[in-house]
Amino acid sequence: MNVRPLGERVLIRRLDRPTQSAGGLFLPETATEKPQEGRVLSVGAAVGDTLKQGDRVAFGRFAGSKIQVEGEELLILDVGDVLGVIEA
C-alpha cells in the first residue's frame, strides 16, 4: 500500500533508537522516549524543493499524526513541524 501525503505534508518513518545503553544494559521500551528523527518516505505536491524522499529530518516530540500502514507505525507531519534536515 502506498500513502501519498496531500498539500504541505510529509510521510515519515521514525528511526530506531538503540535498545542498549553505553554501559551495556538493555533498556525496556517503556524507559526510552520515541525518537525525534526519521526518514522522509513521501512528500506532498506543495512541499516543493524543501524536502525530498530519503532526507533524514528532526521533528518535535508531539508533532504529527500516527498512522498504521501494513503493520508499521508512520507519521504524517506538516512541513512546519519539521525542525531541520540532518546531513551526514
N, C-alpha and C. Protein backbone atom coordinates (compact mmCIF):
# COMPACT_ATOMS: atom_id res chain seq x y z
N MET A 1 0.85 -1.17 0.00
CA MET A 1 0.00 0.00 0.00
C MET A 1 0.90 1.24 0.00
N ASN A 2 0.58 2.20 -0.83
CA ASN A 2 1.31 3.45 -0.88
C ASN A 2 0.48 4.55 -0.27
N VAL A 3 1.12 5.43 0.49
CA VAL A 3 0.45 6.58 1.07
C VAL A 3 1.12 7.82 0.50
N ARG A 4 0.33 8.69 -0.09
CA ARG A 4 0.85 9.94 -0.66
C ARG A 4 0.25 11.08 0.13
N PRO A 5 1.06 11.82 0.90
CA PRO A 5 0.53 12.93 1.67
C PRO A 5 0.05 14.05 0.75
N LEU A 6 -0.93 14.79 1.20
CA LEU A 6 -1.50 15.88 0.41
C LEU A 6 -0.98 17.22 0.89
N GLY A 7 -0.99 18.19 0.01
CA GLY A 7 -0.63 19.56 0.38
C GLY A 7 0.79 19.69 0.88
N GLU A 8 0.93 20.35 2.03
CA GLU A 8 2.24 20.59 2.63
C GLU A 8 2.52 19.59 3.75
N ARG A 9 2.29 18.32 3.47
CA ARG A 9 2.51 17.28 4.47
C ARG A 9 3.61 16.33 4.01
N VAL A 10 4.20 15.63 5.00
CA VAL A 10 5.31 14.73 4.75
C VAL A 10 5.05 13.42 5.48
N LEU A 11 5.34 12.29 4.84
CA LEU A 11 5.21 10.97 5.46
C LEU A 11 6.59 10.56 5.94
N ILE A 12 6.69 10.18 7.22
CA ILE A 12 7.97 9.90 7.87
C ILE A 12 7.95 8.55 8.56
N ARG A 13 9.08 7.85 8.50
CA ARG A 13 9.31 6.63 9.30
C ARG A 13 10.33 7.00 10.37
N ARG A 14 9.95 6.79 11.63
CA ARG A 14 10.88 7.08 12.73
C ARG A 14 12.12 6.19 12.63
N LEU A 15 13.26 6.75 13.01
CA LEU A 15 14.49 5.97 13.07
C LEU A 15 14.51 5.21 14.40
N ASP A 16 15.10 4.03 14.40
CA ASP A 16 15.17 3.21 15.61
C ASP A 16 16.19 3.76 16.58
N ARG A 17 15.87 3.67 17.85
CA ARG A 17 16.80 4.05 18.91
C ARG A 17 17.51 2.79 19.39
N PRO A 18 18.74 2.93 19.86
CA PRO A 18 19.42 1.77 20.41
C PRO A 18 18.69 1.25 21.64
N THR A 19 18.64 -0.07 21.78
CA THR A 19 17.97 -0.67 22.94
C THR A 19 18.96 -1.03 24.03
N GLN A 20 20.21 -0.63 23.84
CA GLN A 20 21.24 -0.93 24.83
C GLN A 20 21.95 0.37 25.19
N SER A 21 22.22 0.55 26.49
CA SER A 21 22.90 1.76 26.93
C SER A 21 24.39 1.66 26.63
N ALA A 22 25.09 2.78 26.79
CA ALA A 22 26.54 2.80 26.56
C ALA A 22 27.26 1.86 27.52
N GLY A 23 26.69 1.62 28.68
CA GLY A 23 27.28 0.72 29.66
C GLY A 23 26.94 -0.74 29.44
N GLY A 24 26.15 -1.05 28.42
CA GLY A 24 25.83 -2.43 28.09
C GLY A 24 24.50 -2.93 28.63
N LEU A 25 23.75 -2.09 29.33
CA LEU A 25 22.46 -2.51 29.86
C LEU A 25 21.39 -2.42 28.78
N PHE A 26 20.50 -3.40 28.77
CA PHE A 26 19.39 -3.37 27.82
C PHE A 26 18.26 -2.55 28.42
N LEU A 27 17.73 -1.63 27.63
CA LEU A 27 16.70 -0.72 28.10
C LEU A 27 15.33 -1.21 27.65
N PRO A 28 14.35 -1.28 28.56
CA PRO A 28 13.00 -1.66 28.14
C PRO A 28 12.38 -0.54 27.30
N GLU A 29 11.45 -0.90 26.44
CA GLU A 29 10.83 0.08 25.56
C GLU A 29 10.12 1.18 26.34
N THR A 30 9.60 0.85 27.51
CA THR A 30 8.88 1.84 28.31
C THR A 30 9.82 2.87 28.94
N ALA A 31 11.12 2.59 28.99
CA ALA A 31 12.08 3.50 29.61
C ALA A 31 12.70 4.46 28.60
N THR A 32 12.41 4.29 27.34
CA THR A 32 13.00 5.15 26.33
C THR A 32 11.93 6.01 25.66
N GLU A 33 12.34 7.20 25.24
CA GLU A 33 11.43 8.07 24.52
C GLU A 33 11.44 7.71 23.04
N LYS A 34 10.35 8.01 22.36
CA LYS A 34 10.30 7.76 20.93
C LYS A 34 11.28 8.70 20.24
N PRO A 35 11.96 8.23 19.21
CA PRO A 35 12.93 9.08 18.53
C PRO A 35 12.26 10.27 17.85
N GLN A 36 13.00 11.37 17.79
CA GLN A 36 12.52 12.58 17.15
C GLN A 36 13.25 12.79 15.82
N GLU A 37 13.70 11.69 15.24
CA GLU A 37 14.35 11.72 13.94
C GLU A 37 13.69 10.67 13.06
N GLY A 38 13.68 10.94 11.77
CA GLY A 38 13.09 9.99 10.85
C GLY A 38 13.54 10.20 9.43
N ARG A 39 13.12 9.29 8.56
CA ARG A 39 13.41 9.37 7.12
C ARG A 39 12.12 9.74 6.39
N VAL A 40 12.25 10.64 5.44
CA VAL A 40 11.12 11.05 4.62
C VAL A 40 10.82 9.94 3.62
N LEU A 41 9.59 9.45 3.64
CA LEU A 41 9.16 8.41 2.70
C LEU A 41 8.47 9.02 1.49
N SER A 42 7.71 10.10 1.71
CA SER A 42 6.96 10.72 0.63
C SER A 42 6.62 12.15 1.03
N VAL A 43 6.48 13.03 0.04
CA VAL A 43 6.12 14.42 0.31
C VAL A 43 4.92 14.82 -0.53
N GLY A 44 4.15 15.77 -0.02
CA GLY A 44 3.01 16.29 -0.75
C GLY A 44 3.46 17.20 -1.89
N ALA A 45 2.56 17.46 -2.81
CA ALA A 45 2.87 18.25 -4.01
C ALA A 45 3.26 19.69 -3.68
N ALA A 46 2.75 20.25 -2.59
CA ALA A 46 3.01 21.65 -2.27
C ALA A 46 4.31 21.84 -1.49
N VAL A 47 5.03 20.78 -1.18
CA VAL A 47 6.27 20.89 -0.40
C VAL A 47 7.38 21.53 -1.23
N GLY A 48 7.41 21.26 -2.52
CA GLY A 48 8.43 21.85 -3.38
C GLY A 48 9.79 21.22 -3.17
N ASP A 49 10.83 22.04 -3.16
CA ASP A 49 12.21 21.55 -3.04
C ASP A 49 12.70 21.52 -1.60
N THR A 50 11.86 21.85 -0.64
CA THR A 50 12.28 21.91 0.75
C THR A 50 12.75 20.55 1.26
N LEU A 51 11.95 19.52 1.03
CA LEU A 51 12.28 18.16 1.46
C LEU A 51 12.10 17.21 0.30
N LYS A 52 12.85 16.12 0.34
CA LYS A 52 12.69 15.10 -0.69
C LYS A 52 12.76 13.71 -0.05
N GLN A 53 12.33 12.72 -0.77
CA GLN A 53 12.33 11.36 -0.27
C GLN A 53 13.76 10.96 0.10
N GLY A 54 13.90 10.32 1.27
CA GLY A 54 15.20 9.86 1.74
C GLY A 54 15.89 10.81 2.70
N ASP A 55 15.42 12.06 2.82
CA ASP A 55 16.04 13.01 3.76
C ASP A 55 15.88 12.52 5.19
N ARG A 56 16.91 12.73 5.99
CA ARG A 56 16.84 12.44 7.43
C ARG A 56 16.48 13.76 8.11
N VAL A 57 15.40 13.76 8.88
CA VAL A 57 14.89 15.00 9.46
C VAL A 57 14.69 14.87 10.97
N ALA A 58 14.67 16.03 11.63
CA ALA A 58 14.34 16.13 13.05
C ALA A 58 12.98 16.81 13.15
N PHE A 59 12.18 16.37 14.12
CA PHE A 59 10.84 16.94 14.30
C PHE A 59 10.52 16.99 15.78
N GLY A 60 9.50 17.76 16.13
CA GLY A 60 9.10 17.92 17.52
C GLY A 60 8.56 16.63 18.14
N ARG A 61 8.67 16.54 19.44
CA ARG A 61 8.27 15.33 20.18
C ARG A 61 6.81 14.96 19.95
N PHE A 62 5.93 15.91 19.93
CA PHE A 62 4.50 15.62 19.81
C PHE A 62 3.94 15.98 18.44
N ALA A 63 4.81 16.14 17.46
CA ALA A 63 4.39 16.55 16.11
C ALA A 63 3.77 15.38 15.35
N GLY A 64 2.87 15.72 14.46
CA GLY A 64 2.34 14.75 13.51
C GLY A 64 1.20 13.90 14.01
N SER A 65 0.70 13.11 13.06
CA SER A 65 -0.37 12.15 13.32
C SER A 65 0.13 10.76 12.99
N LYS A 66 -0.09 9.82 13.90
CA LYS A 66 0.34 8.44 13.67
C LYS A 66 -0.66 7.73 12.78
N ILE A 67 -0.14 6.93 11.85
CA ILE A 67 -0.99 6.07 11.04
C ILE A 67 -0.35 4.69 10.97
N GLN A 68 -1.16 3.67 10.78
CA GLN A 68 -0.68 2.30 10.62
C GLN A 68 -0.77 1.92 9.15
N VAL A 69 0.35 1.52 8.57
CA VAL A 69 0.39 1.08 7.18
C VAL A 69 1.07 -0.28 7.16
N GLU A 70 0.31 -1.29 6.82
CA GLU A 70 0.82 -2.67 6.75
C GLU A 70 1.55 -3.06 8.04
N GLY A 71 0.96 -2.71 9.18
CA GLY A 71 1.51 -3.09 10.48
C GLY A 71 2.64 -2.22 10.97
N GLU A 72 3.00 -1.19 10.24
CA GLU A 72 4.09 -0.30 10.64
C GLU A 72 3.52 1.06 11.00
N GLU A 73 4.03 1.64 12.10
CA GLU A 73 3.58 2.96 12.52
C GLU A 73 4.39 4.03 11.80
N LEU A 74 3.71 4.91 11.06
CA LEU A 74 4.33 6.01 10.36
C LEU A 74 3.74 7.32 10.86
N LEU A 75 4.38 8.44 10.53
CA LEU A 75 3.89 9.75 10.92
C LEU A 75 3.61 10.59 9.68
N ILE A 76 2.53 11.35 9.75
CA ILE A 76 2.28 12.38 8.75
C ILE A 76 2.42 13.72 9.46
N LEU A 77 3.37 14.53 8.97
CA LEU A 77 3.67 15.82 9.57
C LEU A 77 3.37 16.95 8.60
N ASP A 78 3.03 18.11 9.13
CA ASP A 78 3.03 19.33 8.33
C ASP A 78 4.49 19.72 8.14
N VAL A 79 4.81 20.33 7.03
CA VAL A 79 6.19 20.75 6.78
C VAL A 79 6.70 21.65 7.89
N GLY A 80 5.84 22.48 8.45
CA GLY A 80 6.24 23.37 9.54
C GLY A 80 6.65 22.64 10.81
N ASP A 81 6.25 21.38 10.96
CA ASP A 81 6.64 20.59 12.14
C ASP A 81 8.04 20.00 12.01
N VAL A 82 8.59 20.03 10.81
CA VAL A 82 9.95 19.53 10.60
C VAL A 82 10.92 20.62 11.02
N LEU A 83 11.79 20.30 11.99
CA LEU A 83 12.71 21.29 12.53
C LEU A 83 13.94 21.50 11.66
N GLY A 84 14.35 20.46 10.96
CA GLY A 84 15.52 20.60 10.11
C GLY A 84 15.89 19.29 9.45
N VAL A 85 16.77 19.40 8.45
CA VAL A 85 17.30 18.23 7.75
C VAL A 85 18.67 17.92 8.35
N ILE A 86 18.89 16.67 8.70
CA ILE A 86 20.16 16.23 9.27
C ILE A 86 21.03 15.72 8.13
N GLU A 87 22.14 16.38 7.93
CA GLU A 87 23.04 16.00 6.84
C GLU A 87 24.25 15.29 7.41
N ALA A 88 24.71 14.26 6.68
CA ALA A 88 25.85 13.45 7.15
C ALA A 88 27.15 14.19 6.99
